C-alpha atoms as a PDB file:
ATOM      1  CA  MET A   1     -16.087   5.927 -18.415  1.00  0.00           C
ATOM      2  CA  TYR A   2     -16.173   2.364 -16.800  1.00  0.00           C
ATOM      3  CA  THR A   3     -15.107   2.124 -13.255  1.00  0.00           C
ATOM      4  CA  TYR A   4     -13.135  -1.104 -12.579  1.00  0.00           C
ATOM      5  CA  TYR A   5     -13.770  -2.993  -9.356  1.00  0.00           C
ATOM      6  CA  PHE A   6     -10.406  -2.244  -7.904  1.00  0.00           C
ATOM      7  CA  GLU A   7     -11.029   1.500  -8.278  1.00  0.00           C
ATOM      8  CA  LYS A   8     -13.886   1.141  -5.928  1.00  0.00           C
ATOM      9  CA  LEU A   9     -11.818  -0.445  -3.191  1.00  0.00           C
ATOM     10  CA  THR A  10     -11.030   2.119  -0.535  1.00  0.00           C
ATOM     11  CA  VAL A  11      -7.742   0.170   0.160  1.00  0.00           C
ATOM     12  CA  TRP A  12      -6.659   0.842  -3.430  1.00  0.00           C
ATOM     13  CA  GLN A  13      -7.749   4.482  -3.199  1.00  0.00           C
ATOM     14  CA  ASP A  14      -5.802   4.864   0.139  1.00  0.00           C
ATOM     15  CA  SER A  15      -2.681   3.209  -1.284  1.00  0.00           C
ATOM     16  CA  LYS A  16      -2.823   5.263  -4.358  1.00  0.00           C
ATOM     17  CA  GLN A  17      -2.905   8.265  -2.124  1.00  0.00           C
ATOM     18  CA  LEU A  18       0.125   6.986  -0.329  1.00  0.00           C
ATOM     19  CA  VAL A  19       2.005   6.801  -3.602  1.00  0.00           C
ATOM     20  CA  ILE A  20       1.089  10.438  -4.445  1.00  0.00           C
ATOM     21  CA  LEU A  21       2.311  11.609  -0.954  1.00  0.00           C
ATOM     22  CA  ILE A  22       5.534   9.517  -1.334  1.00  0.00           C
ATOM     23  CA  TYR A  23       6.277  11.128  -4.665  1.00  0.00           C
ATOM     24  CA  THR A  24       5.552  14.525  -3.257  1.00  0.00           C
ATOM     25  CA  ILE A  25       7.769  13.984  -0.161  1.00  0.00           C
ATOM     26  CA  THR A  26      10.756  12.324  -2.048  1.00  0.00           C
ATOM     27  CA  LYS A  27      11.025  15.522  -4.247  1.00  0.00           C
ATOM     28  CA  LYS A  28      12.281  17.169  -1.144  1.00  0.00           C
ATOM     29  CA  PHE A  29      15.033  14.454  -0.597  1.00  0.00           C
ATOM     30  CA  PRO A  30      18.574  15.402  -1.428  1.00  0.00           C
ATOM     31  CA  THR A  31      19.408  14.971  -5.127  1.00  0.00           C
ATOM     32  CA  THR A  32      22.054  12.386  -4.158  1.00  0.00           C
ATOM     33  CA  GLU A  33      19.052  10.199  -3.110  1.00  0.00           C
ATOM     34  CA  ARG A  34      17.358  10.400  -6.430  1.00  0.00           C
ATOM     35  CA  TYR A  35      18.473   6.987  -7.463  1.00  0.00           C
ATOM     36  CA  GLY A  36      18.718   5.613  -3.921  1.00  0.00           C
ATOM     37  CA  LEU A  37      16.331   5.907  -1.046  1.00  0.00           C
ATOM     38  CA  ALA A  38      13.835   8.015  -3.001  1.00  0.00           C
ATOM     39  CA  SER A  39      13.559   5.681  -5.943  1.00  0.00           C
ATOM     40  CA  GLN A  40      13.368   2.522  -3.773  1.00  0.00           C
ATOM     41  CA  LEU A  41      10.676   4.178  -1.608  1.00  0.00           C
ATOM     42  CA  GLN A  42       8.636   5.153  -4.784  1.00  0.00           C
ATOM     43  CA  ARG A  43       8.869   1.649  -6.292  1.00  0.00           C
ATOM     44  CA  ALA A  44       7.813  -0.001  -3.003  1.00  0.00           C
ATOM     45  CA  ALA A  45       4.831   2.409  -2.639  1.00  0.00           C
ATOM     46  CA  VAL A  46       3.731   1.964  -6.264  1.00  0.00           C
ATOM     47  CA  SER A  47       3.706  -1.829  -5.821  1.00  0.00           C
ATOM     48  CA  VAL A  48       0.984  -1.668  -3.106  1.00  0.00           C
ATOM     49  CA  PRO A  49      -1.915  -0.445  -5.197  1.00  0.00           C
ATOM     50  CA  THR A  50      -0.517  -2.209  -8.333  1.00  0.00           C
ATOM     51  CA  ASN A  51      -0.740  -5.615  -6.526  1.00  0.00           C
ATOM     52  CA  ILE A  52      -4.245  -4.732  -5.179  1.00  0.00           C
ATOM     53  CA  SER A  53      -5.503  -3.924  -8.566  1.00  0.00           C
ATOM     54  CA  GLU A  54      -3.959  -7.132 -10.051  1.00  0.00           C
ATOM     55  CA  GLY A  55      -5.288  -9.274  -7.237  1.00  0.00           C
ATOM     56  CA  SER A  56      -8.894  -7.890  -7.642  1.00  0.00           C
ATOM     57  CA  ALA A  57      -8.793  -9.248 -11.231  1.00  0.00           C
ATOM     58  CA  ARG A  58      -7.754 -12.752 -10.345  1.00  0.00           C
ATOM     59  CA  ARG A  59     -10.395 -15.317 -10.455  1.00  0.00           C
ATOM     60  CA  THR A  60      -9.618 -17.516  -7.465  1.00  0.00           C
ATOM     61  CA  ALA A  61      -9.367 -16.620  -3.843  1.00  0.00           C
ATOM     62  CA  LYS A  62      -6.009 -18.196  -3.689  1.00  0.00           C
ATOM     63  CA  ASP A  63      -4.649 -15.919  -6.560  1.00  0.00           C
ATOM     64  CA  GLN A  64      -6.267 -12.959  -5.083  1.00  0.00           C
ATOM     65  CA  MET A  65      -4.717 -13.621  -1.700  1.00  0.00           C
ATOM     66  CA  HIS A  66      -1.362 -14.015  -3.286  1.00  0.00           C
ATOM     67  CA  PHE A  67      -1.353 -10.480  -4.809  1.00  0.00           C
ATOM     68  CA  TYR A  68      -2.972  -8.992  -1.522  1.00  0.00           C
ATOM     69  CA  ASN A  69      -0.008 -10.650   0.357  1.00  0.00           C
ATOM     70  CA  LEU A  70       2.472  -9.072  -2.082  1.00  0.00           C
ATOM     71  CA  ALA A  71       0.691  -5.644  -1.577  1.00  0.00           C
ATOM     72  CA  PHE A  72       1.109  -6.073   2.235  1.00  0.00           C
ATOM     73  CA  ALA A  73       4.779  -7.027   1.909  1.00  0.00           C
ATOM     74  CA  SER A  74       5.405  -3.962  -0.328  1.00  0.00           C
ATOM     75  CA  LEU A  75       3.561  -1.871   2.270  1.00  0.00           C
ATOM     76  CA  MET A  76       6.011  -3.151   4.963  1.00  0.00           C
ATOM     77  CA  GLU A  77       8.860  -2.323   2.686  1.00  0.00           C
ATOM     78  CA  THR A  78       7.538   1.162   2.308  1.00  0.00           C
ATOM     79  CA  LEU A  79       7.132   1.543   5.997  1.00  0.00           C
ATOM     80  CA  ASN A  80      10.779   0.304   6.648  1.00  0.00           C
ATOM     81  CA  LEU A  81      11.968   2.892   4.123  1.00  0.00           C
ATOM     82  CA  LEU A  82       9.915   5.598   5.725  1.00  0.00           C
ATOM     83  CA  ILE A  83      11.456   4.661   9.119  1.00  0.00           C
ATOM     84  CA  ILE A  84      14.982   4.959   7.575  1.00  0.00           C
ATOM     85  CA  ALA A  85      14.138   8.314   5.932  1.00  0.00           C
ATOM     86  CA  TYR A  86      12.847   9.606   9.190  1.00  0.00           C
ATOM     87  CA  GLU A  87      15.929   8.481  11.215  1.00  0.00           C
ATOM     88  CA  ILE A  88      18.326   9.966   8.921  1.00  0.00           C
ATOM     89  CA  GLY A  89      16.368  13.254   8.868  1.00  0.00           C
ATOM     90  CA  TYR A  90      14.660  13.298   5.438  1.00  0.00           C
ATOM     91  CA  LEU A  91      11.252  13.309   7.128  1.00  0.00           C
ATOM     92  CA  ASP A  92      10.027  15.450  10.014  1.00  0.00           C
ATOM     93  CA  GLN A  93       8.046  14.065  12.943  1.00  0.00           C
ATOM     94  CA  ASN A  94       4.688  15.197  11.659  1.00  0.00           C
ATOM     95  CA  SER A  95       5.254  13.803   8.215  1.00  0.00           C
ATOM     96  CA  TYR A  96       6.491  10.483   9.629  1.00  0.00           C
ATOM     97  CA  THR A  97       3.416  10.298  11.927  1.00  0.00           C
ATOM     98  CA  ASP A  98       1.045  11.035   9.046  1.00  0.00           C
ATOM     99  CA  PHE A  99       2.652   8.238   6.918  1.00  0.00           C
ATOM    100  CA  ARG A 100       2.652   5.839   9.670  1.00  0.00           C
ATOM    101  CA  SER A 101      -1.114   6.473  10.304  1.00  0.00           C
ATOM    102  CA  LEU A 102      -1.912   5.832   6.542  1.00  0.00           C
ATOM    103  CA  VAL A 103       0.331   2.814   6.376  1.00  0.00           C
ATOM    104  CA  ASP A 104      -1.604   1.347   9.422  1.00  0.00           C
ATOM    105  CA  LYS A 105      -4.866   2.110   7.811  1.00  0.00           C
ATOM    106  CA  ILE A 106      -3.912   0.429   4.561  1.00  0.00           C
ATOM    107  CA  ALA A 107      -2.389  -2.591   6.470  1.00  0.00           C
ATOM    108  CA  ASN A 108      -5.678  -3.060   8.238  1.00  0.00           C
ATOM    109  CA  LYS A 109      -7.632  -2.949   5.026  1.00  0.00           C
ATOM    110  CA  ILE A 110      -5.476  -5.397   3.205  1.00  0.00           C
ATOM    111  CA  ASN A 111      -5.814  -7.805   6.227  1.00  0.00           C
ATOM    112  CA  ALA A 112      -9.621  -7.320   5.999  1.00  0.00           C
ATOM    113  CA  LEU A 113      -9.481  -8.296   2.247  1.00  0.00           C
ATOM    114  CA  ASN A 114      -7.571 -11.427   3.034  1.00  0.00           C
ATOM    115  CA  LYS A 115      -9.821 -12.350   5.961  1.00  0.00           C
ATOM    116  CA  LYS A 116     -12.891 -11.895   3.675  1.00  0.00           C
ATOM    117  CA  LEU A 117     -11.352 -14.430   1.219  1.00  0.00           C
ATOM    118  CA  THR A 118     -10.700 -16.949   3.923  1.00  0.00           C
ATOM    119  CA  THR A 119     -13.952 -16.696   5.830  1.00  0.00           C
ATOM    120  CA  PRO A 120     -16.508 -19.227   4.500  1.00  0.00           C
ATOM    121  CA  PRO A 121     -19.771 -17.609   3.401  1.00  0.00           C
ATOM    122  CA  ASN A 122     -22.564 -17.594   5.856  1.00  0.00           C
ATOM    123  CA  ASN A 123     -24.903 -20.345   4.654  1.00  0.00           C
ATOM    124  CA  SER A 124     -27.643 -19.848   7.300  1.00  0.00           C
ATOM    125  CA  THR A 125     -31.142 -20.430   6.159  1.00  0.00           C
ATOM    126  CA  GLN A 126     -33.068 -17.787   8.175  1.00  0.00           C
END
């Protein structure tokens, strides 16, 4: 089976893991949140690896950055929803801390992808 470029990106792998963890934790939310906070949190989280994969398939740096920026924005939406879930008691301190660490890790990697696209190649002739 062929492995696509995005599948090799650790930022995509980490963000996909975030989605799996979000789906696992939201199963424990009250059933009244099934179409509210849980659903919104799941959609925001899914958007992160989706935009990373789509961006990796774009041909120009500008197009790639656009999708990586969308992934970052969705990651921030996910974090916002995690903060709310924690503050209303749907997440315990340990789960929140673990999610926060993973979000920080993914954010740093998305920023590194964007930086790589905006840094001119080293044209030294050594």
